[in-house]
Amino acid sequence: MIKLNGCLAGCFGMGMLLMACDPSTSPGTTSTPTDADLIGTWNVTSIHTKGWMNDDSGDKQTIDNVDPVPSGSYSFEYKSDKTVSTTIDGGSQAGTWSLKGDSVLIIYSFSGFSDTVSSLVAIKGKSGTFTTHQVDPDDDFTVTLSATKQ
C-alpha cells in the first residue's frame, strides 16, 4: 500500500480514496467529460497531499507533500460495462460507476458494506488530475492524484 503522511491512500474497506478534479487547476480540460473520456486505465504518477491531520498523539500537523508513485503500482480502470477496478500494489477493489454531467458516482462494495463516492472529473487528452477532500474532526486535507490514461 502507498502511505501518505500516516494515512493510507487505499481504495480498500472504509479507507477508500475519493476522487474529484477541479477543472480550474487544469487549463484546457473538458468541461463535461464523456464516458469515452473516462473509460480506460488511469495510472497514477504522483500524489500531492496538502492540509492538516492529527498525529497519533493528537497534535495537529500541517502537510504539503508530493510523492512520486512507482510505475504501474496504483491505477484505476473504468470499463465500458460501468465497472471500475482500483489496484494498489497488487491488491484490488471493484465497484460500479456512472457519469452524469461532470460528476462520476462510484459505488464500491466490500464485506457486506458499500461506499459511495461522487466526484467531479476533468480530463485533458490522456492526462487527468483527481482530487479528494477529506474532512473530519481529526483532519482536513486534499489528496491530488496526477494520472495518465493508457
Protein backbone atom coordinates (compact mmCIF):
# COMPACT_ATOMS: atom_id res chain seq x y z
CA MET A 1 0.00 0.00 0.00
CA ILE A 2 1.07 3.58 -0.55
CA LYS A 3 1.43 5.51 2.74
CA LEU A 4 0.72 9.25 2.80
CA ASN A 5 1.84 11.06 5.95
CA GLY A 6 0.33 8.43 8.19
CA CYS A 7 -2.86 7.98 6.16
CA LEU A 8 -3.40 5.11 3.78
CA ALA A 9 -4.31 6.10 0.23
CA GLY A 10 -6.06 2.83 -0.46
CA CYS A 11 -9.40 2.21 -2.02
CA PHE A 12 -9.99 -0.73 0.25
CA GLY A 13 -12.51 -1.07 3.04
CA MET A 14 -13.68 2.08 4.78
CA GLY A 15 -10.46 3.92 3.89
CA MET A 16 -11.49 4.34 0.29
CA LEU A 17 -9.83 7.20 -1.53
CA LEU A 18 -12.38 9.51 -3.12
CA MET A 19 -11.73 11.12 -6.45
CA ALA A 20 -12.56 14.53 -7.79
CA CYS A 21 -10.96 17.02 -10.07
CA ASP A 22 -11.01 20.80 -10.00
CA PRO A 23 -11.19 21.95 -13.63
CA SER A 24 -9.95 25.43 -12.68
CA THR A 25 -6.49 23.97 -11.96
CA SER A 26 -6.16 22.22 -15.33
CA PRO A 27 -6.24 24.63 -18.27
CA GLY A 28 -7.78 23.20 -21.40
CA THR A 29 -9.71 20.43 -19.70
CA THR A 30 -13.07 19.32 -20.97
CA SER A 31 -15.91 20.91 -19.01
CA THR A 32 -18.20 17.90 -19.35
CA PRO A 33 -16.37 14.61 -19.79
CA THR A 34 -17.96 11.73 -21.67
CA ASP A 35 -17.89 8.03 -20.86
CA ALA A 36 -15.25 7.66 -23.60
CA ASP A 37 -13.03 10.24 -21.84
CA LEU A 38 -13.12 8.22 -18.61
CA ILE A 39 -13.10 4.63 -19.94
CA GLY A 40 -9.66 3.07 -19.80
CA THR A 41 -6.84 2.52 -17.36
CA TRP A 42 -5.50 5.53 -15.46
CA ASN A 43 -2.02 5.04 -13.98
CA VAL A 44 -1.32 7.35 -11.05
CA THR A 45 2.08 9.06 -11.42
CA SER A 46 2.16 11.29 -8.31
CA ILE A 47 0.20 12.09 -5.18
CA HIS A 48 0.07 15.58 -3.62
CA THR A 49 -1.28 15.74 -0.07
CA LYS A 50 -1.98 19.17 1.43
CA GLY A 51 -3.76 20.33 4.60
CA TRP A 52 -3.55 19.08 8.17
CA MET A 53 -4.19 15.98 10.22
CA ASN A 54 -3.79 15.00 13.86
CA ASP A 55 -0.89 12.66 14.58
CA ASP A 56 -1.13 9.67 16.95
CA SER A 57 -0.69 11.94 19.99
CA GLY A 58 -3.49 14.28 18.82
CA ASP A 59 -1.20 17.11 17.74
CA LYS A 60 -2.21 18.98 14.57
CA GLN A 61 0.39 18.51 11.80
CA THR A 62 0.46 20.62 8.63
CA ILE A 63 1.21 18.62 5.49
CA ASP A 64 2.19 19.60 1.95
CA ASN A 65 3.93 16.69 0.23
CA VAL A 66 4.29 15.48 -3.34
CA ASP A 67 5.16 11.81 -3.63
CA PRO A 68 6.01 10.05 -6.91
CA VAL A 69 4.26 6.73 -7.49
CA PRO A 70 6.22 3.80 -8.93
CA SER A 71 5.05 2.99 -12.45
CA GLY A 72 2.13 0.57 -12.52
CA SER A 73 1.69 0.35 -8.74
CA TYR A 74 -1.54 2.42 -8.50
CA SER A 75 -4.25 2.51 -11.15
CA PHE A 76 -7.97 2.90 -11.83
CA GLU A 77 -9.66 1.03 -14.69
CA TYR A 78 -13.04 2.33 -15.83
CA LYS A 79 -14.74 -0.23 -18.11
CA SER A 80 -17.50 0.26 -20.68
CA ASP A 81 -19.76 -2.14 -18.72
CA LYS A 82 -19.80 0.53 -15.94
CA THR A 83 -17.50 -1.37 -13.58
CA VAL A 84 -14.34 0.11 -12.07
CA SER A 85 -11.32 -1.61 -10.57
CA THR A 86 -8.79 0.14 -8.36
CA THR A 87 -5.38 -1.52 -7.96
CA ILE A 88 -2.74 -0.54 -5.41
CA ASP A 89 0.45 -2.59 -5.02
CA GLY A 90 -1.23 -5.70 -6.49
CA GLY A 91 -4.42 -5.58 -4.38
CA SER A 92 -7.68 -4.50 -5.98
CA GLN A 93 -11.19 -3.26 -5.17
CA ALA A 94 -14.10 -3.49 -7.64
CA GLY A 95 -17.11 -1.26 -7.98
CA THR A 96 -19.55 0.32 -10.40
CA TRP A 97 -19.60 3.83 -11.87
CA SER A 98 -21.94 6.22 -13.64
CA LEU A 99 -21.26 9.60 -15.20
CA LYS A 100 -23.73 12.48 -15.10
CA GLY A 101 -22.52 15.85 -16.32
CA ASP A 102 -19.12 16.46 -14.81
CA SER A 103 -19.68 14.09 -11.86
CA VAL A 104 -18.91 10.41 -11.60
CA LEU A 105 -20.66 8.29 -8.98
CA ILE A 106 -18.67 5.27 -7.82
CA ILE A 107 -20.04 2.51 -5.58
CA TYR A 108 -17.51 0.09 -4.06
CA SER A 109 -18.87 -2.98 -2.21
CA PHE A 110 -16.85 -4.99 0.30
CA SER A 111 -17.57 -7.36 3.19
CA GLY A 112 -21.29 -6.58 3.16
CA PHE A 113 -20.71 -2.81 3.13
CA SER A 114 -20.73 -0.29 0.33
CA ASP A 115 -19.01 3.06 -0.06
CA THR A 116 -20.49 5.63 -2.46
CA VAL A 117 -18.31 8.39 -3.88
CA SER A 118 -19.47 11.31 -6.00
CA SER A 119 -16.61 13.07 -7.73
CA LEU A 120 -16.01 15.86 -10.20
CA VAL A 121 -13.94 14.85 -13.22
CA ALA A 122 -11.88 16.92 -15.67
CA ILE A 123 -9.71 15.35 -18.35
CA LYS A 124 -7.34 16.78 -20.93
CA GLY A 125 -6.46 14.15 -23.52
CA LYS A 126 -4.61 11.38 -21.73
CA SER A 127 -3.88 13.44 -18.60
CA GLY A 128 -6.10 13.73 -15.58
CA THR A 129 -5.95 15.14 -12.10
CA PHE A 130 -8.21 13.58 -9.47
CA THR A 131 -8.59 15.32 -6.11
CA THR A 132 -10.31 14.25 -2.93
CA HIS A 133 -11.08 16.37 0.14
CA GLN A 134 -11.10 14.53 3.46
CA VAL A 135 -12.69 16.41 6.38
CA ASP A 136 -13.49 15.15 9.87
CA PRO A 137 -12.59 16.24 13.42
CA ASP A 138 -9.08 14.73 13.10
CA ASP A 139 -8.09 16.03 9.67
CA ASP A 140 -8.78 18.38 6.78
CA PHE A 141 -6.68 17.70 3.68
CA THR A 142 -6.80 17.20 -0.06
CA VAL A 143 -5.13 14.43 -1.99
CA THR A 144 -4.48 15.16 -5.66
CA LEU A 145 -3.66 12.24 -7.92
CA SER A 146 -1.94 13.02 -11.22
CA ALA A 147 -2.67 10.22 -13.69
CA THR A 148 -2.06 9.23 -17.29
CA LYS A 149 -4.55 7.25 -19.38
CA GLN A 150 -3.04 4.20 -21.06
